[in-house]
Amino acid sequence: MTFRSHRPGDRDAYHHGNLREALVETVLELIGKHGPMGFSYADVARAAGVSPAAPYRHFRDRGALMAEVARRGFERFASDLEAAWNQGRPDPAAALDACGRAYLAFARREPAFFAAMFDSGPAPEDDPAFSAAADRAFSVLRRAAEAVAATFPASNRPPALMVALHSWAVVHGIAALFLDSGGLALPMTPEELLEAHSLIYLQGLAAPPGRAGAP
């Protein structure tokens, strides 16, 4: 997993009274190097160039710091999905596909945030701010799924929540597959795999009962 280059001046942020931001940036860098579980709270302080006690001025423990990183990731992620949804334009199916592509693009562009969000985020009940940010992201997919479901005849309309969860599971699986492929050469791009799934899935939903997946 590759992390974006550290911005000049981040190491000096603490000395300008912005330790909180410096710690977040340091965590993202450490995730890129070691994964979300590959470093301790003391490692964060050391990498940020501050004393072991300094991070406690802003975060009660490592979990609280990781929750902050995950929350920020979900806020960016939700904004990307919202822009891709574009109020359902040009049509719901195309807009849902755009959300999937935005999901893949975010995972590729922000692998450290992505790992923090899904591999080390807190339990929703433990951090309301994190939970609200994650809910905002899922709500975009939920609205997209509701719009897609509404295009089907009432007699054969799939549950919108099911469509949303299926879409989330598939695109997340594709993103994880390509992020963690270990250098394995895969015969399709993430976007091609997503497109193939979308066509098969929507065709299956449109098939008469008892004939899902039929030509």
C-alpha atoms as a PDB file:
ATOM      1  CA  MET A   1       0.000   0.000   0.000  1.00  0.00           C
ATOM      2  CA  THR A   2       1.494   3.331  -1.020  1.00  0.00           C
ATOM      3  CA  PHE A   3       0.934   6.539   0.885  1.00  0.00           C
ATOM      4  CA  ARG A   4       1.123   9.980  -0.665  1.00  0.00           C
ATOM      5  CA  SER A   5       4.268  11.975   0.052  1.00  0.00           C
ATOM      6  CA  HIS A   6       4.418  13.883   3.313  1.00  0.00           C
ATOM      7  CA  ARG A   7       3.856  17.596   2.787  1.00  0.00           C
ATOM      8  CA  PRO A   8       6.738  19.939   3.629  1.00  0.00           C
ATOM      9  CA  GLY A   9       6.328  21.636   6.966  1.00  0.00           C
ATOM     10  CA  ASP A  10       4.091  19.015   8.573  1.00  0.00           C
ATOM     11  CA  ARG A  11       6.856  18.043  10.989  1.00  0.00           C
ATOM     12  CA  ASP A  12       7.008  21.672  12.117  1.00  0.00           C
ATOM     13  CA  ALA A  13       3.250  21.885  12.729  1.00  0.00           C
ATOM     14  CA  TYR A  14       3.619  21.000  16.404  1.00  0.00           C
ATOM     15  CA  HIS A  15       6.026  23.850  16.976  1.00  0.00           C
ATOM     16  CA  HIS A  16       3.424  26.213  15.588  1.00  0.00           C
ATOM     17  CA  GLY A  17       0.774  24.949  17.989  1.00  0.00           C
ATOM     18  CA  ASN A  18      -0.876  22.505  15.596  1.00  0.00           C
ATOM     19  CA  LEU A  19       0.059  19.199  17.164  1.00  0.00           C
ATOM     20  CA  ARG A  20      -3.382  17.723  16.451  1.00  0.00           C
ATOM     21  CA  GLU A  21      -2.916  18.064  12.687  1.00  0.00           C
ATOM     22  CA  ALA A  22       0.662  16.835  12.855  1.00  0.00           C
ATOM     23  CA  LEU A  23      -0.471  13.681  14.653  1.00  0.00           C
ATOM     24  CA  VAL A  24      -3.143  12.950  12.049  1.00  0.00           C
ATOM     25  CA  GLU A  25      -0.627  13.381   9.233  1.00  0.00           C
ATOM     26  CA  THR A  26       1.857  11.162  11.056  1.00  0.00           C
ATOM     27  CA  VAL A  27      -0.716   8.400  11.504  1.00  0.00           C
ATOM     28  CA  LEU A  28      -1.513   8.462   7.783  1.00  0.00           C
ATOM     29  CA  GLU A  29       2.170   8.124   6.979  1.00  0.00           C
ATOM     30  CA  LEU A  30       2.620   5.244   9.437  1.00  0.00           C
ATOM     31  CA  ILE A  31      -0.426   3.436   8.041  1.00  0.00           C
ATOM     32  CA  GLY A  32       1.100   3.714   4.594  1.00  0.00           C
ATOM     33  CA  LYS A  33       4.332   2.138   5.827  1.00  0.00           C
ATOM     34  CA  HIS A  34       3.117  -0.411   8.361  1.00  0.00           C
ATOM     35  CA  GLY A  35      -0.643  -0.830   8.030  1.00  0.00           C
ATOM     36  CA  PRO A  36      -3.230   0.422  10.533  1.00  0.00           C
ATOM     37  CA  MET A  37      -2.213  -2.038  13.255  1.00  0.00           C
ATOM     38  CA  GLY A  38       1.542  -1.907  12.725  1.00  0.00           C
ATOM     39  CA  PHE A  39       2.502   0.871  15.120  1.00  0.00           C
ATOM     40  CA  SER A  40       1.915   2.001  18.685  1.00  0.00           C
ATOM     41  CA  TYR A  41       0.907   5.319  20.203  1.00  0.00           C
ATOM     42  CA  ALA A  42       4.523   5.805  21.235  1.00  0.00           C
ATOM     43  CA  ASP A  43       5.576   5.217  17.627  1.00  0.00           C
ATOM     44  CA  VAL A  44       3.250   8.034  16.548  1.00  0.00           C
ATOM     45  CA  ALA A  45       4.814  10.443  19.042  1.00  0.00           C
ATOM     46  CA  ARG A  46       8.312   9.410  17.995  1.00  0.00           C
ATOM     47  CA  ALA A  47       7.573   9.797  14.289  1.00  0.00           C
ATOM     48  CA  ALA A  48       5.979  13.201  14.924  1.00  0.00           C
ATOM     49  CA  GLY A  49       9.088  14.299  16.807  1.00  0.00           C
ATOM     50  CA  VAL A  50       7.350  14.962  20.123  1.00  0.00           C
ATOM     51  CA  SER A  51       7.517  13.481  23.603  1.00  0.00           C
ATOM     52  CA  PRO A  52       5.499  10.310  24.410  1.00  0.00           C
ATOM     53  CA  ALA A  53       3.171  12.386  26.574  1.00  0.00           C
ATOM     54  CA  ALA A  54       2.484  15.110  24.004  1.00  0.00           C
ATOM     55  CA  PRO A  55      -0.256  13.293  22.002  1.00  0.00           C
ATOM     56  CA  TYR A  56      -2.372  12.953  25.146  1.00  0.00           C
ATOM     57  CA  ARG A  57      -2.974  16.693  25.029  1.00  0.00           C
ATOM     58  CA  HIS A  58      -5.345  16.101  22.126  1.00  0.00           C
ATOM     59  CA  PHE A  59      -6.295  12.405  22.126  1.00  0.00           C
ATOM     60  CA  ARG A  60      -6.925  10.278  25.194  1.00  0.00           C
ATOM     61  CA  ASP A  61      -5.336   7.214  23.586  1.00  0.00           C
ATOM     62  CA  ARG A  62      -4.366   5.604  20.298  1.00  0.00           C
ATOM     63  CA  GLY A  63      -7.957   4.544  19.654  1.00  0.00           C
ATOM     64  CA  ALA A  64      -9.199   8.124  19.845  1.00  0.00           C
ATOM     65  CA  LEU A  65      -6.533   9.263  17.401  1.00  0.00           C
ATOM     66  CA  MET A  66      -7.365   6.472  14.964  1.00  0.00           C
ATOM     67  CA  ALA A  67     -11.067   7.345  15.276  1.00  0.00           C
ATOM     68  CA  GLU A  68     -10.273  10.928  14.298  1.00  0.00           C
ATOM     69  CA  VAL A  69      -8.353   9.769  11.232  1.00  0.00           C
ATOM     70  CA  ALA A  70     -11.172   7.392  10.253  1.00  0.00           C
ATOM     71  CA  ARG A  71     -13.792  10.129  10.732  1.00  0.00           C
ATOM     72  CA  ARG A  72     -11.914  12.516   8.476  1.00  0.00           C
ATOM     73  CA  GLY A  73     -11.589   9.784   5.888  1.00  0.00           C
ATOM     74  CA  PHE A  74     -15.321   9.130   5.886  1.00  0.00           C
ATOM     75  CA  GLU A  75     -16.069  12.844   5.569  1.00  0.00           C
ATOM     76  CA  ARG A  76     -13.905  13.073   2.443  1.00  0.00           C
ATOM     77  CA  PHE A  77     -15.333   9.823   1.158  1.00  0.00           C
ATOM     78  CA  ALA A  78     -18.923  10.971   1.638  1.00  0.00           C
ATOM     79  CA  SER A  79     -18.207  14.212  -0.225  1.00  0.00           C
ATOM     80  CA  ASP A  80     -16.739  12.249  -3.146  1.00  0.00           C
ATOM     81  CA  LEU A  81     -19.776   9.955  -3.281  1.00  0.00           C
ATOM     82  CA  GLU A  82     -22.176  12.894  -3.099  1.00  0.00           C
ATOM     83  CA  ALA A  83     -20.432  14.592  -6.019  1.00  0.00           C
ATOM     84  CA  ALA A  84     -20.478  11.368  -8.033  1.00  0.00           C
ATOM     85  CA  TRP A  85     -24.181  10.807  -7.319  1.00  0.00           C
ATOM     86  CA  ASN A  86     -24.893  14.273  -8.752  1.00  0.00           C
ATOM     87  CA  GLN A  87     -28.558  14.095  -7.700  1.00  0.00           C
ATOM     88  CA  GLY A  88     -29.115  11.029  -9.859  1.00  0.00           C
ATOM     89  CA  ARG A  89     -28.017  12.555 -13.149  1.00  0.00           C
ATOM     90  CA  PRO A  90     -28.044  11.596 -15.962  1.00  0.00           C
ATOM     91  CA  ASP A  91     -30.104   8.631 -14.719  1.00  0.00           C
ATOM     92  CA  PRO A  92     -30.154   6.573 -11.498  1.00  0.00           C
ATOM     93  CA  ALA A  93     -28.296   3.530 -12.866  1.00  0.00           C
ATOM     94  CA  ALA A  94     -25.510   5.645 -14.367  1.00  0.00           C
ATOM     95  CA  ALA A  95     -25.270   7.734 -11.202  1.00  0.00           C
ATOM     96  CA  LEU A  96     -25.024   4.604  -9.033  1.00  0.00           C
ATOM     97  CA  ASP A  97     -22.232   3.377 -11.298  1.00  0.00           C
ATOM     98  CA  ALA A  98     -20.502   6.748 -10.873  1.00  0.00           C
ATOM     99  CA  CYS A  99     -20.679   6.266  -7.107  1.00  0.00           C
ATOM    100  CA  GLY A 100     -18.979   2.910  -7.478  1.00  0.00           C
ATOM    101  CA  ARG A 101     -16.226   4.437  -9.569  1.00  0.00           C
ATOM    102  CA  ALA A 102     -15.786   7.218  -7.014  1.00  0.00           C
ATOM    103  CA  TYR A 103     -15.474   4.546  -4.329  1.00  0.00           C
ATOM    104  CA  LEU A 104     -12.682   2.842  -6.273  1.00  0.00           C
ATOM    105  CA  ALA A 105     -10.974   6.156  -6.987  1.00  0.00           C
ATOM    106  CA  PHE A 106     -10.990   7.096  -3.309  1.00  0.00           C
ATOM    107  CA  ALA A 107      -9.496   3.750  -2.285  1.00  0.00           C
ATOM    108  CA  ARG A 108      -6.754   4.153  -4.890  1.00  0.00           C
ATOM    109  CA  ARG A 109      -6.045   7.809  -4.075  1.00  0.00           C
ATOM    110  CA  GLU A 110      -6.306   7.613  -0.265  1.00  0.00           C
ATOM    111  CA  PRO A 111      -5.223   4.096   0.777  1.00  0.00           C
ATOM    112  CA  ALA A 112      -4.170   5.194   4.255  1.00  0.00           C
ATOM    113  CA  PHE A 113      -7.522   6.840   4.972  1.00  0.00           C
ATOM    114  CA  PHE A 114      -9.282   3.813   3.456  1.00  0.00           C
ATOM    115  CA  ALA A 115      -7.425   1.448   5.772  1.00  0.00           C
ATOM    116  CA  ALA A 116      -8.156   3.599   8.817  1.00  0.00           C
ATOM    117  CA  MET A 117     -11.850   3.767   7.939  1.00  0.00           C
ATOM    118  CA  PHE A 118     -12.440   0.073   7.409  1.00  0.00           C
ATOM    119  CA  ASP A 119      -9.640  -1.775   9.202  1.00  0.00           C
ATOM    120  CA  SER A 120      -9.313   0.121  12.452  1.00  0.00           C
ATOM    121  CA  GLY A 121     -12.331   2.365  12.919  1.00  0.00           C
ATOM    122  CA  PRO A 122     -14.078   2.398  16.309  1.00  0.00           C
ATOM    123  CA  ALA A 123     -17.363   0.708  17.088  1.00  0.00           C
ATOM    124  CA  PRO A 124     -20.169   3.110  16.040  1.00  0.00           C
ATOM    125  CA  GLU A 125     -21.501   3.352  19.580  1.00  0.00           C
ATOM    126  CA  ASP A 126     -18.072   4.398  20.858  1.00  0.00           C
ATOM    127  CA  ASP A 127     -17.659   7.475  18.677  1.00  0.00           C
ATOM    128  CA  PRO A 128     -20.788   9.341  17.519  1.00  0.00           C
ATOM    129  CA  ALA A 129     -18.809  11.664  15.226  1.00  0.00           C
ATOM    130  CA  PHE A 130     -17.244   8.717  13.413  1.00  0.00           C
ATOM    131  CA  SER A 131     -20.625   7.008  13.184  1.00  0.00           C
ATOM    132  CA  ALA A 132     -22.281  10.121  11.735  1.00  0.00           C
ATOM    133  CA  ALA A 133     -19.588  10.471   9.060  1.00  0.00           C
ATOM    134  CA  ALA A 134     -19.876   6.804   8.094  1.00  0.00           C
ATOM    135  CA  ASP A 135     -23.678   7.064   8.001  1.00  0.00           C
ATOM    136  CA  ARG A 136     -23.452  10.056   5.683  1.00  0.00           C
ATOM    137  CA  ALA A 137     -21.390   8.031   3.217  1.00  0.00           C
ATOM    138  CA  PHE A 138     -23.779   5.085   3.307  1.00  0.00           C
ATOM    139  CA  SER A 139     -26.781   7.407   2.955  1.00  0.00           C
ATOM    140  CA  VAL A 140     -25.532   8.414  -0.508  1.00  0.00           C
ATOM    141  CA  LEU A 141     -25.535   4.780  -1.628  1.00  0.00           C
ATOM    142  CA  ARG A 142     -28.910   4.282   0.049  1.00  0.00           C
ATOM    143  CA  ARG A 143     -30.443   7.179  -1.909  1.00  0.00           C
ATOM    144  CA  ALA A 144     -28.873   5.924  -5.107  1.00  0.00           C
ATOM    145  CA  ALA A 145     -30.246   2.428  -4.513  1.00  0.00           C
ATOM    146  CA  GLU A 146     -33.718   3.811  -3.776  1.00  0.00           C
ATOM    147  CA  ALA A 147     -33.667   5.737  -7.059  1.00  0.00           C
ATOM    148  CA  VAL A 148     -32.545   2.659  -9.003  1.00  0.00           C
ATOM    149  CA  ALA A 149     -35.143   0.447  -7.324  1.00  0.00           C
ATOM    150  CA  ALA A 150     -37.852   2.948  -8.195  1.00  0.00           C
ATOM    151  CA  THR A 151     -37.160   2.417 -11.903  1.00  0.00           C
ATOM    152  CA  PHE A 152     -38.360  -1.197 -11.665  1.00  0.00           C
ATOM    153  CA  PRO A 153     -42.051  -2.145 -11.975  1.00  0.00           C
ATOM    154  CA  ALA A 154     -43.756  -2.236  -8.601  1.00  0.00           C
ATOM    155  CA  SER A 155     -44.430  -5.955  -9.045  1.00  0.00           C
ATOM    156  CA  ASN A 156     -40.719  -6.696  -9.407  1.00  0.00           C
ATOM    157  CA  ARG A 157     -39.106  -3.936  -7.364  1.00  0.00           C
ATOM    158  CA  PRO A 158     -36.061  -5.015  -5.326  1.00  0.00           C
ATOM    159  CA  PRO A 159     -35.681  -3.805  -1.734  1.00  0.00           C
ATOM    160  CA  ALA A 160     -33.624  -0.625  -1.872  1.00  0.00           C
ATOM    161  CA  LEU A 161     -31.644  -1.506   1.242  1.00  0.00           C
ATOM    162  CA  MET A 162     -30.660  -4.827  -0.305  1.00  0.00           C
ATOM    163  CA  VAL A 163     -29.441  -3.061  -3.458  1.00  0.00           C
ATOM    164  CA  ALA A 164     -27.466  -0.572  -1.371  1.00  0.00           C
ATOM    165  CA  LEU A 165     -25.819  -3.288   0.706  1.00  0.00           C
ATOM    166  CA  HIS A 166     -25.058  -5.445  -2.324  1.00  0.00           C
ATOM    167  CA  SER A 167     -23.522  -2.452  -4.092  1.00  0.00           C
ATOM    168  CA  TRP A 168     -21.439  -1.506  -1.058  1.00  0.00           C
ATOM    169  CA  ALA A 169     -20.223  -5.077  -0.541  1.00  0.00           C
ATOM    170  CA  VAL A 170     -19.233  -5.600  -4.162  1.00  0.00           C
ATOM    171  CA  VAL A 171     -17.420  -2.322  -4.736  1.00  0.00           C
ATOM    172  CA  HIS A 172     -15.649  -2.602  -1.385  1.00  0.00           C
ATOM    173  CA  GLY A 173     -14.580  -6.128  -2.236  1.00  0.00           C
ATOM    174  CA  ILE A 174     -13.212  -4.983  -5.591  1.00  0.00           C
ATOM    175  CA  ALA A 175     -11.324  -2.114  -3.959  1.00  0.00           C
ATOM    176  CA  ALA A 176      -9.842  -4.400  -1.306  1.00  0.00           C
ATOM    177  CA  LEU A 177      -8.906  -7.023  -3.893  1.00  0.00           C
ATOM    178  CA  PHE A 178      -6.871  -4.587  -5.950  1.00  0.00           C
ATOM    179  CA  LEU A 179      -5.333  -2.786  -2.970  1.00  0.00           C
ATOM    180  CA  ASP A 180      -4.187  -6.052  -1.385  1.00  0.00           C
ATOM    181  CA  SER A 181      -3.326  -8.036  -4.498  1.00  0.00           C
ATOM    182  CA  GLY A 182       0.314  -8.203  -3.446  1.00  0.00           C
ATOM    183  CA  GLY A 183       1.515  -7.304  -6.908  1.00  0.00           C
ATOM    184  CA  LEU A 184      -0.486 -10.080  -8.550  1.00  0.00           C
ATOM    185  CA  ALA A 185      -1.318  -9.197 -12.152  1.00  0.00           C
ATOM    186  CA  LEU A 186      -5.101  -9.244 -12.469  1.00  0.00           C
ATOM    187  CA  PRO A 187      -6.737  -9.609 -15.916  1.00  0.00           C
ATOM    188  CA  MET A 188      -9.219  -6.750 -15.450  1.00  0.00           C
ATOM    189  CA  THR A 189      -9.080  -3.247 -14.044  1.00  0.00           C
ATOM    190  CA  PRO A 190     -11.211  -2.437 -10.992  1.00  0.00           C
ATOM    191  CA  GLU A 191     -13.497  -0.325 -13.157  1.00  0.00           C
ATOM    192  CA  GLU A 192     -13.958  -3.095 -15.710  1.00  0.00           C
ATOM    193  CA  LEU A 193     -14.822  -5.570 -12.976  1.00  0.00           C
ATOM    194  CA  LEU A 194     -17.304  -3.125 -11.459  1.00  0.00           C
ATOM    195  CA  GLU A 195     -18.941  -2.504 -14.832  1.00  0.00           C
ATOM    196  CA  ALA A 196     -19.289  -6.238 -15.496  1.00  0.00           C
ATOM    197  CA  HIS A 197     -20.867  -6.787 -12.101  1.00  0.00           C
ATOM    198  CA  SER A 198     -23.258  -3.862 -12.496  1.00  0.00           C
ATOM    199  CA  LEU A 199     -24.539  -5.174 -15.823  1.00  0.00           C
ATOM    200  CA  ILE A 200     -25.023  -8.703 -14.489  1.00  0.00           C
ATOM    201  CA  TYR A 201     -26.585  -7.515 -11.224  1.00  0.00           C
ATOM    202  CA  LEU A 202     -29.099  -5.125 -12.759  1.00  0.00           C
ATOM    203  CA  GLN A 203     -29.989  -7.682 -15.419  1.00  0.00           C
ATOM    204  CA  GLY A 204     -30.600 -10.224 -12.680  1.00  0.00           C
ATOM    205  CA  LEU A 205     -32.861  -7.831 -10.789  1.00  0.00           C
ATOM    206  CA  ALA A 206     -34.864  -7.197 -13.934  1.00  0.00           C
ATOM    207  CA  ALA A 207     -35.387 -10.902 -14.663  1.00  0.00           C
ATOM    208  CA  PRO A 208     -38.828 -12.361 -13.852  1.00  0.00           C
ATOM    209  CA  PRO A 209     -39.091 -14.169 -10.496  1.00  0.00           C
ATOM    210  CA  GLY A 210     -37.505 -17.577 -10.674  1.00  0.00           C
ATOM    211  CA  ARG A 211     -35.372 -16.621 -13.668  1.00  0.00           C
ATOM    212  CA  ALA A 212     -32.734 -14.355 -12.128  1.00  0.00           C
ATOM    213  CA  GLY A 213     -29.618 -14.413 -14.257  1.00  0.00           C
ATOM    214  CA  ALA A 214     -31.453 -15.909 -17.244  1.00  0.00           C
ATOM    215  CA  PRO A 215     -30.425 -14.583 -20.682  1.00  0.00           C
END
